Protein backbone atom coordinates (compact mmCIF):
# COMPACT_ATOMS: atom_id res chain seq x y z
CA MET A 1 0.28 -0.31 -0.09
CA SER A 2 2.96 2.35 1.06
CA ILE A 3 4.40 2.00 -2.70
CA LEU A 4 0.95 2.39 -4.54
CA TYR A 5 0.92 5.92 -2.19
CA VAL A 6 4.43 6.60 -3.56
CA LEU A 7 3.30 6.37 -6.82
CA ILE A 8 -0.33 8.43 -6.26
CA ALA A 9 2.11 11.06 -4.91
CA VAL A 10 4.83 11.09 -8.12
CA LEU A 11 2.07 11.35 -10.15
CA GLY A 12 0.63 14.04 -8.41
CA LEU A 13 3.54 16.10 -8.54
CA VAL A 14 4.77 15.13 -12.24
CA ALA A 15 0.93 16.43 -13.09
CA ALA A 16 1.23 19.64 -10.96
CA TRP A 17 4.80 20.57 -12.61
CA PHE A 18 3.17 19.73 -16.35
CA ALA A 19 0.36 22.33 -15.41
CA ALA A 20 2.66 24.78 -14.30
CA SER A 21 5.25 24.29 -16.94
CA VAL A 22 2.72 23.94 -19.84
CA ARG A 23 1.63 27.25 -21.71
CA VAL A 24 -0.30 27.97 -24.63
CA ILE A 25 0.28 30.59 -27.10
CA LYS A 26 -2.30 31.93 -29.34
CA GLN A 27 -1.95 32.36 -33.24
CA TYR A 28 -1.60 36.31 -33.49
CA GLU A 29 0.81 36.42 -30.37
CA GLN A 30 4.35 35.56 -29.89
CA GLY A 31 6.23 34.47 -26.27
CA LEU A 32 9.30 35.60 -24.75
CA VAL A 33 10.88 33.65 -22.06
CA PHE A 34 12.57 35.83 -19.34
CA ARG A 35 15.50 32.60 -17.25
CA PHE A 36 16.20 34.25 -13.88
CA GLY A 37 14.87 37.68 -15.42
CA ARG A 38 17.17 37.23 -18.72
CA VAL A 39 15.18 37.16 -21.81
CA ARG A 40 16.19 34.14 -23.92
CA GLU A 41 16.55 34.98 -27.80
CA ALA A 42 14.26 32.23 -29.24
CA VAL A 43 10.71 33.38 -29.30
CA ARG A 44 8.09 30.75 -28.74
CA GLY A 45 5.45 30.80 -31.39
CA PRO A 46 2.10 30.03 -31.16
CA GLY A 47 0.88 26.62 -29.99
CA LEU A 48 1.65 24.60 -27.12
CA THR A 49 5.10 25.36 -24.94
CA VAL A 50 6.90 24.14 -21.85
CA ILE A 51 8.71 26.35 -19.57
CA VAL A 52 10.50 25.67 -16.15
CA PRO A 53 8.55 26.42 -13.40
CA ALA A 54 9.63 28.87 -10.38
CA VAL A 55 12.80 29.22 -13.02
CA ASP A 56 11.07 30.79 -16.43
CA ARG A 57 8.69 33.71 -16.87
CA LEU A 58 6.53 33.80 -20.10
CA ARG A 59 5.05 37.30 -21.71
CA LYS A 60 3.11 37.04 -24.37
CA VAL A 61 3.10 39.67 -26.81
CA ASN A 62 -0.26 40.95 -29.56
CA MET A 63 1.15 41.10 -32.97
CA GLN A 64 -1.85 42.48 -34.25
CA ILE A 65 -2.55 46.23 -35.80
CA VAL A 66 -3.80 47.71 -33.25
CA THR A 67 -5.69 50.65 -33.99
CA MET A 68 -4.88 54.27 -31.59
CA PRO A 69 -7.23 57.12 -31.54
CA VAL A 70 -5.14 60.22 -30.94
CA PRO A 71 -7.27 62.38 -28.29
CA ALA A 72 -7.68 65.96 -30.12
CA GLN A 73 -4.77 68.53 -29.83
CA ASP A 74 -5.93 72.44 -29.93
CA GLY A 75 -2.78 74.04 -31.68
CA ILE A 76 -2.21 77.61 -34.15
CA THR A 77 -1.50 76.55 -38.10
CA ARG A 78 1.38 78.74 -39.63
CA ASP A 79 -1.43 81.38 -40.63
CA ASN A 80 -2.24 81.65 -36.95
CA VAL A 81 -5.64 79.98 -37.07
CA THR A 82 -6.77 78.04 -33.89
CA VAL A 83 -8.11 75.25 -34.89
CA LYS A 84 -8.51 71.53 -32.81
CA VAL A 85 -6.98 68.23 -34.61
CA ASP A 86 -7.33 64.88 -34.03
CA ALA A 87 -6.44 61.48 -35.80
CA VAL A 88 -6.27 57.88 -35.52
CA VAL A 89 -2.67 55.72 -35.80
CA TYR A 90 -2.46 52.30 -37.16
CA PHE A 91 0.53 50.16 -36.07
CA ASN A 92 2.11 46.45 -34.83
CA VAL A 93 5.25 45.07 -33.46
CA ILE A 94 7.72 43.69 -35.57
CA ASP A 95 10.36 42.67 -32.66
CA PRO A 96 8.43 41.40 -29.55
CA VAL A 97 11.99 41.88 -28.16
CA ARG A 98 12.88 45.18 -28.44
CA ALA A 99 9.05 46.25 -27.76
CA VAL A 100 8.69 44.30 -24.39
CA VAL A 101 12.81 45.25 -23.26
CA ASN A 102 13.32 49.14 -24.76
CA VAL A 103 10.49 50.68 -23.46
CA GLN A 104 8.43 50.05 -20.42
CA ASP A 105 4.32 49.98 -21.92
CA TYR A 106 4.79 50.77 -26.27
CA LEU A 107 1.28 51.49 -26.37
CA PHE A 108 1.49 54.26 -24.03
CA ALA A 109 5.12 55.53 -25.65
CA VAL A 110 3.24 55.38 -29.31
CA ALA A 111 0.15 57.71 -27.87
CA GLN A 112 2.44 60.56 -26.55
CA VAL A 113 4.57 60.30 -29.71
CA ALA A 114 1.43 60.74 -31.49
CA GLN A 115 0.15 63.44 -29.67
CA THR A 116 3.38 65.18 -29.79
CA SER A 117 3.86 64.68 -33.80
CA LEU A 118 0.33 66.10 -34.26
CA ARG A 119 0.77 69.03 -32.36
CA SER A 120 3.74 69.61 -34.00
CA MET A 121 2.39 69.03 -37.83
CA ILE A 122 -0.33 71.55 -36.76
CA GLY A 123 2.23 74.38 -36.10
CA LYS A 124 3.76 73.63 -39.33
CA SER A 125 0.85 73.92 -41.63
CA GLU A 126 -1.82 76.06 -42.77
CA LEU A 127 -5.18 76.04 -42.41
CA ASP A 128 -5.64 75.10 -46.42
CA ASP A 129 -3.35 72.68 -46.47
CA LEU A 130 -5.19 70.68 -43.08
CA LEU A 131 -8.61 71.23 -44.73
CA SER A 132 -7.38 69.91 -48.73
CA ASN A 133 -3.89 68.20 -48.58
CA ARG A 134 -4.56 65.63 -46.22
CA GLU A 135 -2.78 63.13 -48.15
CA GLN A 136 0.74 65.23 -47.67
CA LEU A 137 0.06 65.47 -44.34
CA ASN A 138 -1.01 62.02 -43.17
CA GLN A 139 2.42 60.90 -44.83
CA GLY A 140 4.71 63.39 -42.85
CA LEU A 141 2.80 62.47 -39.58
CA GLU A 142 3.49 58.91 -40.48
CA VAL A 143 7.16 59.88 -40.73
CA MET A 144 7.61 61.72 -37.73
CA ILE A 145 5.79 59.13 -35.61
CA ASP A 146 7.52 56.10 -36.84
CA SER A 147 11.20 57.49 -36.55
CA PRO A 148 11.23 57.02 -33.07
CA VAL A 149 9.28 54.09 -32.57
CA LEU A 150 11.05 51.87 -35.29
CA ASN A 151 13.61 51.59 -32.08
CA TRP A 152 11.16 49.95 -29.91
CA GLY A 153 10.19 47.30 -32.40
CA ILE A 154 7.43 48.70 -33.59
CA HIS A 155 6.49 49.80 -37.12
CA ILE A 156 3.51 52.61 -37.93
CA ASP A 157 1.10 51.35 -40.54
CA ARG A 158 -0.57 54.57 -41.02
CA VAL A 159 -1.74 57.60 -39.73
CA GLU A 160 -4.98 59.38 -40.65
CA ILE A 161 -6.47 62.98 -39.86
CA LYS A 162 -9.96 62.43 -38.60
CA ASP A 163 -11.48 65.98 -38.40
CA VAL A 164 -10.16 69.76 -38.12
CA ALA A 165 -12.56 71.48 -35.93
CA LEU A 166 -12.75 75.58 -37.15
CA PRO A 167 -14.28 78.10 -34.56
CA ASP A 168 -17.57 79.33 -35.76
CA ALA A 169 -15.72 82.80 -36.65
CA MET A 170 -13.79 81.08 -39.06
CA LYS A 171 -16.42 78.92 -40.33
CA ARG A 172 -18.58 82.05 -41.53
CA SER A 173 -15.77 83.92 -43.12
CA MET A 174 -14.80 81.00 -45.39
CA SER A 175 -19.06 80.69 -46.09
CA ARG A 176 -18.54 84.60 -47.24
CA GLN A 177 -15.52 83.50 -49.33
CA ALA A 178 -16.71 80.65 -50.67
CA GLU A 179 -20.63 82.49 -51.41
CA ALA A 180 -17.94 85.82 -52.74
CA GLU A 181 -16.14 83.60 -55.16
CA ARG A 182 -19.25 81.78 -57.08
CA GLU A 183 -21.10 85.74 -57.39
CA ARG A 184 -17.33 86.37 -58.93
CA ARG A 185 -17.50 83.57 -61.49
CA ALA A 186 -21.04 83.90 -62.33
CA ARG A 187 -20.50 87.48 -63.26
CA VAL A 188 -17.72 86.28 -65.23
CA ILE A 189 -19.41 83.85 -67.09
CA THR A 190 -22.31 86.16 -67.65
CA ALA A 191 -19.63 89.03 -68.85
CA ASP A 192 -18.58 86.36 -71.21
CA GLY A 193 -21.79 85.86 -72.44
CA GLU A 194 -22.68 88.93 -73.53
CA LEU A 195 -19.46 89.57 -74.99
CA GLN A 196 -19.92 86.29 -76.98
CA ALA A 197 -23.88 87.72 -78.14
CA SER A 198 -22.57 91.17 -78.80
CA HIS A 199 -20.30 89.37 -81.45
CA LYS A 200 -22.81 87.37 -83.14
CA LEU A 201 -25.13 90.02 -83.24
CA ALA A 202 -22.45 92.73 -84.83
CA GLU A 203 -22.26 89.75 -87.52
CA ALA A 204 -26.12 89.77 -87.75
CA ALA A 205 -26.16 93.45 -88.49
CA ALA A 206 -23.47 92.98 -91.15
CA THR A 207 -25.29 90.26 -92.59
CA MET A 208 -28.58 92.55 -92.46
CA ALA A 209 -27.20 95.27 -93.67
CA ASP A 210 -25.83 93.62 -96.70
CA THR A 211 -29.41 92.31 -97.36
CA PRO A 212 -31.97 94.99 -96.19
CA THR A 213 -34.75 92.10 -97.17
CA ALA A 214 -33.80 90.22 -94.10
CA LEU A 215 -34.15 93.00 -91.87
CA GLN A 216 -37.94 93.08 -93.02
CA LEU A 217 -38.27 89.63 -92.54
CA ARG A 218 -36.47 89.66 -89.02
CA LEU A 219 -39.40 92.47 -87.97
CA LEU A 220 -41.95 90.82 -89.39
CA GLU A 221 -40.96 87.25 -87.48
CA THR A 222 -40.60 89.81 -84.31
CA VAL A 223 -44.66 90.63 -85.12
CA VAL A 224 -45.00 87.00 -85.63
CA GLU A 225 -43.49 86.23 -81.80
CA VAL A 226 -45.66 89.00 -80.23
CA ALA A 227 -48.68 88.37 -81.59
CA ALA A 228 -48.45 84.30 -80.83
CA GLU A 229 -49.14 85.65 -76.70
CA LYS A 230 -52.69 87.10 -77.15
CA ASN A 231 -52.14 89.70 -74.26
CA SER A 232 -50.57 92.58 -75.95
CA THR A 233 -51.29 95.21 -78.53
CA LEU A 234 -48.92 95.90 -81.47
CA VAL A 235 -48.89 99.31 -82.75
CA LEU A 236 -47.08 100.23 -85.81
CA PRO A 237 -47.25 103.87 -86.56
CA PHE A 238 -46.72 103.54 -90.21
CA PRO A 239 -45.87 100.86 -93.00
CA VAL A 240 -42.15 99.44 -93.34
CA GLU A 241 -42.71 100.21 -97.18
CA LEU A 242 -42.79 103.96 -96.44
CA LEU A 243 -39.51 103.88 -94.70
CA ARG A 244 -37.88 101.76 -97.58
CA PHE A 245 -39.30 104.44 -100.19
CA LEU A 246 -37.90 107.56 -97.46
CA GLU A 247 -34.89 105.70 -97.21
CA ASN A 248 -34.22 105.55 -101.00
CA HIS A 249 -35.38 109.01 -101.70
CA PRO A 250 -34.29 111.33 -98.98
CA THR A 251 -35.20 114.59 -101.13
CA ALA A 252 -38.85 114.08 -102.02
CA GLY A 253 -40.50 115.85 -99.15
CA ALA A 254 -38.17 118.96 -100.08
CA LYS A 255 -40.11 121.89 -102.26
CA PRO A 256 -39.21 122.65 -105.68
CA GLU A 257 -37.32 126.08 -105.71
CA ALA A 258 -38.68 129.40 -107.61
CA ARG A 259 -37.32 129.71 -111.50
CA PRO A 260 -36.57 133.61 -111.87
CA PRO A 261 -38.09 134.34 -115.06
CA THR A 262 -36.48 134.82 -118.03
CA THR A 263 -36.62 137.59 -120.89
CA GLU A 264 -37.16 135.21 -123.95
CA GLY A 265 -40.90 134.96 -123.25
CA PRO A 266 -43.40 134.61 -120.50
CA ALA A 267 -43.00 132.32 -117.65
CA ILE A 268 -45.38 129.19 -117.86
CA SER A 269 -46.47 128.33 -114.51
CA ASP A 270 -48.97 125.97 -113.17
CA THR A 271 -49.60 128.44 -109.97
CA PRO A 272 -52.71 130.91 -109.95
CA ALA A 273 -52.28 134.42 -110.90
CA GLU A 274 -52.60 135.30 -107.63
CA ALA A 275 -48.91 133.07 -106.55
CA PRO A 276 -46.43 135.73 -107.40
CA ALA A 277 -48.37 138.93 -105.72
CA ALA A 278 -48.25 137.11 -102.60
CA ILE A 279 -44.52 136.20 -102.91
CA GLU A 280 -43.14 139.38 -104.10
CA SER A 281 -45.06 141.09 -100.98
CA PRO A 282 -45.13 138.82 -97.84
CA PRO A 283 -47.82 139.43 -95.07
CA GLU A 284 -45.47 139.72 -91.94
CA ARG A 285 -45.37 143.52 -91.54
CA PRO A 286 -49.13 144.31 -92.03
CA ILE A 287 -50.14 141.60 -89.95
CA LEU A 288 -47.03 143.03 -87.26
CA SER A 289 -48.31 147.01 -87.50
CA ASP A 290 -52.08 146.08 -87.01
CA ILE A 291 -51.41 143.75 -83.68
CA ARG A 292 -49.24 147.26 -82.30
CA ARG A 293 -52.38 149.54 -83.06
CA ARG A 294 -54.66 146.82 -81.07
CA ASP A 295 -52.32 146.54 -78.16
CA ASP A 296 -51.81 150.26 -77.90
CA GLN A 297 -55.74 151.88 -78.06
CA PRO A 298 -56.39 150.05 -74.83
CA ALA A 299 -53.65 151.88 -73.06
CA ALA A 300 -54.32 155.31 -74.26
CA GLY A 301 -57.88 154.61 -73.26
CA ALA A 302 -56.51 153.88 -69.64
CA VAL A 303 -54.57 156.91 -69.39
CA ARG A 304 -57.25 159.24 -69.85
């Protein structure tokens, strides 16, 4: 019986030692073994691994990509605008030995480096770059963060600027600027259209001047278009043919001049006989004298 008890005790000790020495490492992890405080060069891979109890200590390191949000940082840009910028950093561990030995807490260290680098990037950039040129800023920020953490066995996969918060006064100023820019473009487009229309109208006027009939046809088309509405009255003071007649004969309305009489014979005239006497003695003076007499008689009676 004593031998049986001894065997059971030995088996129990072996089971306890096995339970204390066996560790399981997951697929996305790697294990570091510290023997008497000194790290072993061999890195344990995923699966079942055995360590010496009370001698070795196993430290598991996650090799997955870590997503770390960077808190919003207040800063002043190079053109003296106060902004608040936040970002996100993607990184992973490529050397578990340096990540554990060279830095106390690599997660906290990466977070602090990301915040300081983001503040430095805000001070070196202008507001327009933060709003429109984020790809270049992301690359520059990635280089700034990757330089110190490379000695810690950490690789920065990418850095993205999430949001840029502007003051309310700056937002209103930018909206007014955008509105003024759109109004300027609209005015330029309108002026360009008027310039092109004036060139076309000049060409049309030159063509109509060569062919006067085209102007008359255009006028008739305009009359038809106006009359199609049936809610307006169109007044033509005189026909178009009369305008054309006056344009072709500018001296048609002038009075004929009287020809002086000749000594060869009596002048033949179609006017009646009283016409020459009316022409020789104009009636202006008798009419003026009669008007003056009529004006002077009441005056004389008033004096008496």
